[in-house]
Amino acid sequence: MRSSVPADDETDVVTVNVVNHHLLNVVVFNVVQGHRDRLGDVTSASSMSFRLHLRRMVGGELQLYADPVGATRGVTSELLHVSAGDTVDWTLETDLARSHIEIH
């Protein structure tokens, strides 16, 4: 007997694109109330996309953290206010302090 599993609700999705220009691979997290929720890895000199549901965010607030593998310090994005359908582009530079983020 098969059970019917409803399809995921895609109406509240935010897409996060990470472009990694850093020399190291990075692990990307969504920071929710001080707790890191791992999104995935982005290899050096490559890019990766992640899909997040607004229901996993408090008040539509998104804050990202990139943790370079083997480094002692990462970089935290500013606190972003996002809506369903938004695309967040985060470019991690070789000097992480120069990284920048845009919402479309």
C-alpha atoms as a PDB file:
ATOM      1  CA  MET A   1       0.000   0.000   0.000  1.00  0.00           C
ATOM      2  CA  ARG A   2       1.439   3.376  -1.018  1.00  0.00           C
ATOM      3  CA  SER A   3       0.805   6.527   0.910  1.00  0.00           C
ATOM      4  CA  SER A   4       0.335   9.772  -0.902  1.00  0.00           C
ATOM      5  CA  VAL A   5       2.897  12.391   0.110  1.00  0.00           C
ATOM      6  CA  PRO A   6       1.896  15.952  -0.748  1.00  0.00           C
ATOM      7  CA  ALA A   7       4.282  17.898  -2.960  1.00  0.00           C
ATOM      8  CA  ASP A   8       6.427  20.527  -1.242  1.00  0.00           C
ATOM      9  CA  ASP A   9       4.872  23.954  -1.104  1.00  0.00           C
ATOM     10  CA  GLU A  10       7.113  26.082  -3.332  1.00  0.00           C
ATOM     11  CA  THR A  11       5.196  29.340  -2.850  1.00  0.00           C
ATOM     12  CA  ASP A  12       7.506  30.570  -0.070  1.00  0.00           C
ATOM     13  CA  VAL A  13      10.918  29.795  -1.608  1.00  0.00           C
ATOM     14  CA  VAL A  14      13.899  32.163  -1.561  1.00  0.00           C
ATOM     15  CA  THR A  15      16.878  31.241  -3.760  1.00  0.00           C
ATOM     16  CA  VAL A  16      20.376  31.904  -2.418  1.00  0.00           C
ATOM     17  CA  ASN A  17      23.174  31.934  -5.022  1.00  0.00           C
ATOM     18  CA  VAL A  18      26.706  31.853  -3.607  1.00  0.00           C
ATOM     19  CA  VAL A  19      29.706  32.655  -5.821  1.00  0.00           C
ATOM     20  CA  ASN A  20      32.953  31.666  -4.123  1.00  0.00           C
ATOM     21  CA  HIS A  21      36.053  33.595  -5.265  1.00  0.00           C
ATOM     22  CA  HIS A  22      37.831  32.626  -2.031  1.00  0.00           C
ATOM     23  CA  LEU A  23      40.861  30.337  -2.186  1.00  0.00           C
ATOM     24  CA  LEU A  24      39.253  27.808   0.169  1.00  0.00           C
ATOM     25  CA  ASN A  25      36.052  25.803  -0.002  1.00  0.00           C
ATOM     26  CA  VAL A  26      33.376  27.284   2.260  1.00  0.00           C
ATOM     27  CA  VAL A  27      30.497  25.852   4.234  1.00  0.00           C
ATOM     28  CA  VAL A  28      27.435  28.134   4.049  1.00  0.00           C
ATOM     29  CA  PHE A  29      24.955  28.463   6.906  1.00  0.00           C
ATOM     30  CA  ASN A  30      21.695  30.283   7.485  1.00  0.00           C
ATOM     31  CA  VAL A  31      21.886  31.880  10.956  1.00  0.00           C
ATOM     32  CA  VAL A  32      18.531  31.746  12.769  1.00  0.00           C
ATOM     33  CA  GLN A  33      18.386  33.294  16.235  1.00  0.00           C
ATOM     34  CA  GLY A  34      22.083  32.571  16.788  1.00  0.00           C
ATOM     35  CA  HIS A  35      21.821  28.956  15.597  1.00  0.00           C
ATOM     36  CA  ARG A  36      23.581  27.910  12.367  1.00  0.00           C
ATOM     37  CA  ASP A  37      21.550  25.828   9.920  1.00  0.00           C
ATOM     38  CA  ARG A  38      23.926  24.285   7.361  1.00  0.00           C
ATOM     39  CA  LEU A  39      22.929  24.892   3.739  1.00  0.00           C
ATOM     40  CA  GLY A  40      25.886  23.194   2.045  1.00  0.00           C
ATOM     41  CA  ASP A  41      29.385  23.498   0.643  1.00  0.00           C
ATOM     42  CA  VAL A  42      30.656  25.750  -2.113  1.00  0.00           C
ATOM     43  CA  THR A  43      33.944  24.701  -3.673  1.00  0.00           C
ATOM     44  CA  SER A  44      36.658  27.299  -4.264  1.00  0.00           C
ATOM     45  CA  ALA A  45      36.254  29.211  -7.542  1.00  0.00           C
ATOM     46  CA  SER A  46      32.723  27.894  -8.128  1.00  0.00           C
ATOM     47  CA  SER A  47      29.112  28.694  -7.325  1.00  0.00           C
ATOM     48  CA  MET A  48      26.130  26.922  -5.778  1.00  0.00           C
ATOM     49  CA  SER A  49      22.427  27.648  -5.362  1.00  0.00           C
ATOM     50  CA  PHE A  50      20.326  26.864  -2.318  1.00  0.00           C
ATOM     51  CA  ARG A  51      16.538  27.030  -1.934  1.00  0.00           C
ATOM     52  CA  LEU A  52      15.175  28.139   1.435  1.00  0.00           C
ATOM     53  CA  HIS A  53      11.597  28.240   2.633  1.00  0.00           C
ATOM     54  CA  LEU A  54      10.426  31.401   4.383  1.00  0.00           C
ATOM     55  CA  ARG A  55       8.790  29.226   7.032  1.00  0.00           C
ATOM     56  CA  ARG A  56      12.322  28.362   8.200  1.00  0.00           C
ATOM     57  CA  MET A  57      13.064  32.042   8.822  1.00  0.00           C
ATOM     58  CA  VAL A  58      11.837  34.227  11.627  1.00  0.00           C
ATOM     59  CA  GLY A  59       9.960  37.241  10.240  1.00  0.00           C
ATOM     60  CA  GLY A  60      11.431  36.837   6.755  1.00  0.00           C
ATOM     61  CA  GLU A  61      14.904  37.604   8.084  1.00  0.00           C
ATOM     62  CA  LEU A  62      17.892  35.911   6.483  1.00  0.00           C
ATOM     63  CA  GLN A  63      21.483  36.057   7.669  1.00  0.00           C
ATOM     64  CA  LEU A  64      24.187  33.957   6.057  1.00  0.00           C
ATOM     65  CA  TYR A  65      27.536  32.797   7.388  1.00  0.00           C
ATOM     66  CA  ALA A  66      30.408  31.443   5.263  1.00  0.00           C
ATOM     67  CA  ASP A  67      32.966  29.283   7.059  1.00  0.00           C
ATOM     68  CA  PRO A  68      36.108  28.652   4.968  1.00  0.00           C
ATOM     69  CA  VAL A  69      37.326  25.081   5.521  1.00  0.00           C
ATOM     70  CA  GLY A  70      40.622  25.193   7.430  1.00  0.00           C
ATOM     71  CA  ALA A  71      40.477  28.922   8.237  1.00  0.00           C
ATOM     72  CA  THR A  72      40.001  30.442  11.673  1.00  0.00           C
ATOM     73  CA  ARG A  73      37.448  33.088  10.653  1.00  0.00           C
ATOM     74  CA  GLY A  74      34.445  33.261   8.410  1.00  0.00           C
ATOM     75  CA  VAL A  75      32.181  36.086   7.299  1.00  0.00           C
ATOM     76  CA  THR A  76      28.609  36.916   8.246  1.00  0.00           C
ATOM     77  CA  SER A  77      26.253  38.750   5.911  1.00  0.00           C
ATOM     78  CA  GLU A  78      24.151  41.628   7.074  1.00  0.00           C
ATOM     79  CA  LEU A  79      20.629  40.821   8.233  1.00  0.00           C
ATOM     80  CA  LEU A  80      18.408  40.686   5.150  1.00  0.00           C
ATOM     81  CA  HIS A  81      14.644  41.000   4.858  1.00  0.00           C
ATOM     82  CA  VAL A  82      13.422  38.711   2.079  1.00  0.00           C
ATOM     83  CA  SER A  83      10.094  37.774   0.529  1.00  0.00           C
ATOM     84  CA  ALA A  84       8.890  34.720  -1.374  1.00  0.00           C
ATOM     85  CA  GLY A  85      10.373  34.608  -4.860  1.00  0.00           C
ATOM     86  CA  ASP A  86      13.430  36.725  -3.982  1.00  0.00           C
ATOM     87  CA  THR A  87      16.880  35.749  -5.218  1.00  0.00           C
ATOM     88  CA  VAL A  88      19.841  36.534  -2.977  1.00  0.00           C
ATOM     89  CA  ASP A  89      23.260  36.713  -4.692  1.00  0.00           C
ATOM     90  CA  TRP A  90      26.213  36.518  -2.271  1.00  0.00           C
ATOM     91  CA  THR A  91      29.682  36.895  -3.763  1.00  0.00           C
ATOM     92  CA  LEU A  92      32.511  35.786  -1.475  1.00  0.00           C
ATOM     93  CA  GLU A  93      35.758  37.529  -2.395  1.00  0.00           C
ATOM     94  CA  THR A  94      39.332  36.356  -1.778  1.00  0.00           C
ATOM     95  CA  ASP A  95      39.345  38.886   1.074  1.00  0.00           C
ATOM     96  CA  LEU A  96      36.106  37.851   2.790  1.00  0.00           C
ATOM     97  CA  ALA A  97      35.682  41.343   4.280  1.00  0.00           C
ATOM     98  CA  ARG A  98      35.052  42.631   0.721  1.00  0.00           C
ATOM     99  CA  SER A  99      32.256  40.149   0.034  1.00  0.00           C
ATOM    100  CA  HIS A 100      28.940  41.631  -1.114  1.00  0.00           C
ATOM    101  CA  ILE A 101      25.310  40.642  -1.278  1.00  0.00           C
ATOM    102  CA  GLU A 102      22.326  41.677  -3.432  1.00  0.00           C
ATOM    103  CA  ILE A 103      18.618  40.857  -3.366  1.00  0.00           C
ATOM    104  CA  HIS A 104      16.582  40.676  -6.578  1.00  0.00           C
END
